[in-house]
Amino acid sequence: MEEMTRLELLTLLYSLKALLDTDNVDKAQETIDKVIKEAETTKDNK
């Protein structure tokens, strides 16, 4: 996975904020978990 651009990071954060603002906490947590897993996998592959 490539490093995220500033725009991609902002998009992700705004999406998570929207999920949280609409009480979709479970979906936000699922998304956060996926991002963390991908980041850890990518880090391990370098």
PDB file of N, CA and C in Angstrom:
ATOM      1  N   MET A   1       0.845  -1.183   0.000  1.00  0.00           N
ATOM      2  CA  MET A   1       0.000   0.000   0.000  1.00  0.00           C
ATOM      3  C   MET A   1       0.886   1.241   0.000  1.00  0.00           C
ATOM      4  N   GLU A   2       0.523   2.203  -0.793  1.00  0.00           N
ATOM      5  CA  GLU A   2       1.260   3.455  -0.857  1.00  0.00           C
ATOM      6  C   GLU A   2       0.882   4.340   0.333  1.00  0.00           C
ATOM      7  N   GLU A   3       1.730   5.322   0.592  1.00  0.00           N
ATOM      8  CA  GLU A   3       1.395   6.285   1.634  1.00  0.00           C
ATOM      9  C   GLU A   3       0.187   7.086   1.198  1.00  0.00           C
ATOM     10  N   MET A   4      -0.646   7.459   2.177  1.00  0.00           N
ATOM     11  CA  MET A   4      -1.847   8.233   1.869  1.00  0.00           C
ATOM     12  C   MET A   4      -1.479   9.688   1.608  1.00  0.00           C
ATOM     13  N   THR A   5      -2.156  10.274   0.653  1.00  0.00           N
ATOM     14  CA  THR A   5      -1.994  11.706   0.422  1.00  0.00           C
ATOM     15  C   THR A   5      -2.832  12.458   1.457  1.00  0.00           C
ATOM     16  N   ARG A   6      -2.566  13.714   1.564  1.00  0.00           N
ATOM     17  CA  ARG A   6      -3.342  14.553   2.490  1.00  0.00           C
ATOM     18  C   ARG A   6      -4.841  14.503   2.154  1.00  0.00           C
ATOM     19  N   LEU A   7      -5.173  14.545   0.876  1.00  0.00           N
ATOM     20  CA  LEU A   7      -6.567  14.496   0.452  1.00  0.00           C
ATOM     21  C   LEU A   7      -7.226  13.164   0.825  1.00  0.00           C
ATOM     22  N   GLU A   8      -6.503  12.079   0.629  1.00  0.00           N
ATOM     23  CA  GLU A   8      -7.038  10.759   0.986  1.00  0.00           C
ATOM     24  C   GLU A   8      -7.264  10.647   2.496  1.00  0.00           C
ATOM     25  N   LEU A   9      -6.331  11.172   3.261  1.00  0.00           N
ATOM     26  CA  LEU A   9      -6.471  11.138   4.709  1.00  0.00           C
ATOM     27  C   LEU A   9      -7.668  11.971   5.166  1.00  0.00           C
ATOM     28  N   LEU A  10      -7.810  13.161   4.602  1.00  0.00           N
ATOM     29  CA  LEU A  10      -8.963  14.005   4.945  1.00  0.00           C
ATOM     30  C   LEU A  10     -10.275  13.327   4.570  1.00  0.00           C
ATOM     31  N   THR A  11     -10.303  12.681   3.416  1.00  0.00           N
ATOM     32  CA  THR A  11     -11.506  11.975   2.987  1.00  0.00           C
ATOM     33  C   THR A  11     -11.870  10.875   3.975  1.00  0.00           C
ATOM     34  N   LEU A  12     -10.885  10.113   4.390  1.00  0.00           N
ATOM     35  CA  LEU A  12     -11.119   9.049   5.365  1.00  0.00           C
ATOM     36  C   LEU A  12     -11.626   9.620   6.685  1.00  0.00           C
ATOM     37  N   LEU A  13     -10.990  10.669   7.164  1.00  0.00           N
ATOM     38  CA  LEU A  13     -11.394  11.262   8.439  1.00  0.00           C
ATOM     39  C   LEU A  13     -12.802  11.853   8.378  1.00  0.00           C
ATOM     40  N   TYR A  14     -13.123  12.532   7.282  1.00  0.00           N
ATOM     41  CA  TYR A  14     -14.476  13.075   7.139  1.00  0.00           C
ATOM     42  C   TYR A  14     -15.519  11.960   7.052  1.00  0.00           C
ATOM     43  N   SER A  15     -15.164  10.875   6.399  1.00  0.00           N
ATOM     44  CA  SER A  15     -16.078   9.731   6.316  1.00  0.00           C
ATOM     45  C   SER A  15     -16.316   9.124   7.687  1.00  0.00           C
ATOM     46  N   LEU A  16     -15.250   8.968   8.453  1.00  0.00           N
ATOM     47  CA  LEU A  16     -15.400   8.436   9.813  1.00  0.00           C
ATOM     48  C   LEU A  16     -16.222   9.383  10.681  1.00  0.00           C
ATOM     49  N   LYS A  17     -15.979  10.669  10.546  1.00  0.00           N
ATOM     50  CA  LYS A  17     -16.739  11.660  11.317  1.00  0.00           C
ATOM     51  C   LYS A  17     -18.220  11.590  10.965  1.00  0.00           C
ATOM     52  N   ALA A  18     -18.527  11.455   9.682  1.00  0.00           N
ATOM     53  CA  ALA A  18     -19.922  11.353   9.254  1.00  0.00           C
ATOM     54  C   ALA A  18     -20.574  10.104   9.835  1.00  0.00           C
ATOM     55  N   LEU A  19     -19.863   8.996   9.834  1.00  0.00           N
ATOM     56  CA  LEU A  19     -20.402   7.774  10.433  1.00  0.00           C
ATOM     57  C   LEU A  19     -20.683   7.976  11.915  1.00  0.00           C
ATOM     58  N   LEU A  20     -19.753   8.584  12.609  1.00  0.00           N
ATOM     59  CA  LEU A  20     -19.936   8.816  14.046  1.00  0.00           C
ATOM     60  C   LEU A  20     -21.061   9.814  14.318  1.00  0.00           C
ATOM     61  N   ASP A  21     -21.160  10.842  13.496  1.00  0.00           N
ATOM     62  CA  ASP A  21     -22.205  11.853  13.667  1.00  0.00           C
ATOM     63  C   ASP A  21     -23.604  11.277  13.453  1.00  0.00           C
ATOM     64  N   THR A  22     -23.698  10.204  12.671  1.00  0.00           N
ATOM     65  CA  THR A  22     -25.000   9.576  12.408  1.00  0.00           C
ATOM     66  C   THR A  22     -25.177   8.301  13.220  1.00  0.00           C
ATOM     67  N   ASP A  23     -24.390   8.193  14.290  1.00  0.00           N
ATOM     68  CA  ASP A  23     -24.472   7.063  15.225  1.00  0.00           C
ATOM     69  C   ASP A  23     -24.195   5.704  14.591  1.00  0.00           C
ATOM     70  N   ASN A  24     -23.398   5.691  13.541  1.00  0.00           N
ATOM     71  CA  ASN A  24     -22.951   4.428  12.931  1.00  0.00           C
ATOM     72  C   ASN A  24     -21.602   4.037  13.525  1.00  0.00           C
ATOM     73  N   VAL A  25     -21.580   3.909  14.843  1.00  0.00           N
ATOM     74  CA  VAL A  25     -20.337   3.642  15.561  1.00  0.00           C
ATOM     75  C   VAL A  25     -19.729   2.313  15.137  1.00  0.00           C
ATOM     76  N   ASP A  26     -20.568   1.293  14.956  1.00  0.00           N
ATOM     77  CA  ASP A  26     -20.055  -0.024  14.572  1.00  0.00           C
ATOM     78  C   ASP A  26     -19.366   0.023  13.209  1.00  0.00           C
ATOM     79  N   LYS A  27     -19.952   0.724  12.259  1.00  0.00           N
ATOM     80  CA  LYS A  27     -19.353   0.841  10.924  1.00  0.00           C
ATOM     81  C   LYS A  27     -18.060   1.651  10.984  1.00  0.00           C
ATOM     82  N   ALA A  28     -18.052   2.704  11.788  1.00  0.00           N
ATOM     83  CA  ALA A  28     -16.830   3.497  11.949  1.00  0.00           C
ATOM     84  C   ALA A  28     -15.718   2.639  12.553  1.00  0.00           C
ATOM     85  N   GLN A  29     -16.056   1.861  13.573  1.00  0.00           N
ATOM     86  CA  GLN A  29     -15.056   0.994  14.210  1.00  0.00           C
ATOM     87  C   GLN A  29     -14.538  -0.049  13.231  1.00  0.00           C
ATOM     88  N   GLU A  30     -15.440  -0.602  12.425  1.00  0.00           N
ATOM     89  CA  GLU A  30     -15.044  -1.586  11.412  1.00  0.00           C
ATOM     90  C   GLU A  30     -14.062  -0.974  10.408  1.00  0.00           C
ATOM     91  N   THR A  31     -14.345   0.240   9.991  1.00  0.00           N
ATOM     92  CA  THR A  31     -13.472   0.927   9.043  1.00  0.00           C
ATOM     93  C   THR A  31     -12.115   1.217   9.665  1.00  0.00           C
ATOM     94  N   ILE A  32     -12.105   1.682  10.898  1.00  0.00           N
ATOM     95  CA  ILE A  32     -10.854   1.951  11.604  1.00  0.00           C
ATOM     96  C   ILE A  32     -10.029   0.675  11.720  1.00  0.00           C
ATOM     97  N   ASP A  33     -10.679  -0.421  12.084  1.00  0.00           N
ATOM     98  CA  ASP A  33      -9.977  -1.705  12.211  1.00  0.00           C
ATOM     99  C   ASP A  33      -9.352  -2.138  10.889  1.00  0.00           C
ATOM    100  N   LYS A  34     -10.074  -1.932   9.781  1.00  0.00           N
ATOM    101  CA  LYS A  34      -9.549  -2.300   8.461  1.00  0.00           C
ATOM    102  C   LYS A  34      -8.332  -1.457   8.099  1.00  0.00           C
ATOM    103  N   VAL A  35      -8.395  -0.169   8.392  1.00  0.00           N
ATOM    104  CA  VAL A  35      -7.275   0.720   8.079  1.00  0.00           C
ATOM    105  C   VAL A  35      -6.054   0.333   8.902  1.00  0.00           C
ATOM    106  N   ILE A  36      -6.257   0.052  10.178  1.00  0.00           N
ATOM    107  CA  ILE A  36      -5.149  -0.357  11.044  1.00  0.00           C
ATOM    108  C   ILE A  36      -4.546  -1.661  10.548  1.00  0.00           C
ATOM    109  N   LYS A  37      -5.395  -2.623  10.208  1.00  0.00           N
ATOM    110  CA  LYS A  37      -4.904  -3.917   9.731  1.00  0.00           C
ATOM    111  C   LYS A  37      -4.078  -3.740   8.452  1.00  0.00           C
ATOM    112  N   GLU A  38      -4.575  -2.917   7.535  1.00  0.00           N
ATOM    113  CA  GLU A  38      -3.862  -2.667   6.280  1.00  0.00           C
ATOM    114  C   GLU A  38      -2.519  -1.985   6.549  1.00  0.00           C
ATOM    115  N   ALA A  39      -2.514  -1.027   7.468  1.00  0.00           N
ATOM    116  CA  ALA A  39      -1.273  -0.319   7.794  1.00  0.00           C
ATOM    117  C   ALA A  39      -0.258  -1.254   8.433  1.00  0.00           C
ATOM    118  N   GLU A  40      -0.718  -2.121   9.310  1.00  0.00           N
ATOM    119  CA  GLU A  40       0.192  -3.071   9.958  1.00  0.00           C
ATOM    120  C   GLU A  40       0.730  -4.084   8.957  1.00  0.00           C
ATOM    121  N   THR A  41      -0.111  -4.535   8.055  1.00  0.00           N
ATOM    122  CA  THR A  41       0.299  -5.494   7.026  1.00  0.00           C
ATOM    123  C   THR A  41       1.332  -4.862   6.109  1.00  0.00           C
ATOM    124  N   THR A  42       1.080  -3.629   5.731  1.00  0.00           N
ATOM    125  CA  THR A  42       1.998  -2.910   4.846  1.00  0.00           C
ATOM    126  C   THR A  42       3.342  -2.691   5.532  1.00  0.00           C
ATOM    127  N   LYS A  43       3.300  -2.321   6.803  1.00  0.00           N
ATOM    128  CA  LYS A  43       4.527  -2.082   7.559  1.00  0.00           C
ATOM    129  C   LYS A  43       5.349  -3.366   7.637  1.00  0.00           C
ATOM    130  N   ASP A  44       4.687  -4.493   7.861  1.00  0.00           N
ATOM    131  CA  ASP A  44       5.370  -5.779   7.976  1.00  0.00           C
ATOM    132  C   ASP A  44       5.992  -6.235   6.659  1.00  0.00           C
ATOM    133  N   ASN A  45       5.445  -5.781   5.547  1.00  0.00           N
ATOM    134  CA  ASN A  45       5.930  -6.202   4.233  1.00  0.00           C
ATOM    135  C   ASN A  45       7.102  -5.372   3.740  1.00  0.00           C
ATOM    136  N   LYS A  46       7.491  -4.348   4.445  1.00  0.00           N
ATOM    137  CA  LYS A  46       8.613  -3.495   4.005  1.00  0.00           C
ATOM    138  C   LYS A  46       9.920  -4.009   4.530  1.00  0.00           C
TER     139      LYS A  46
END
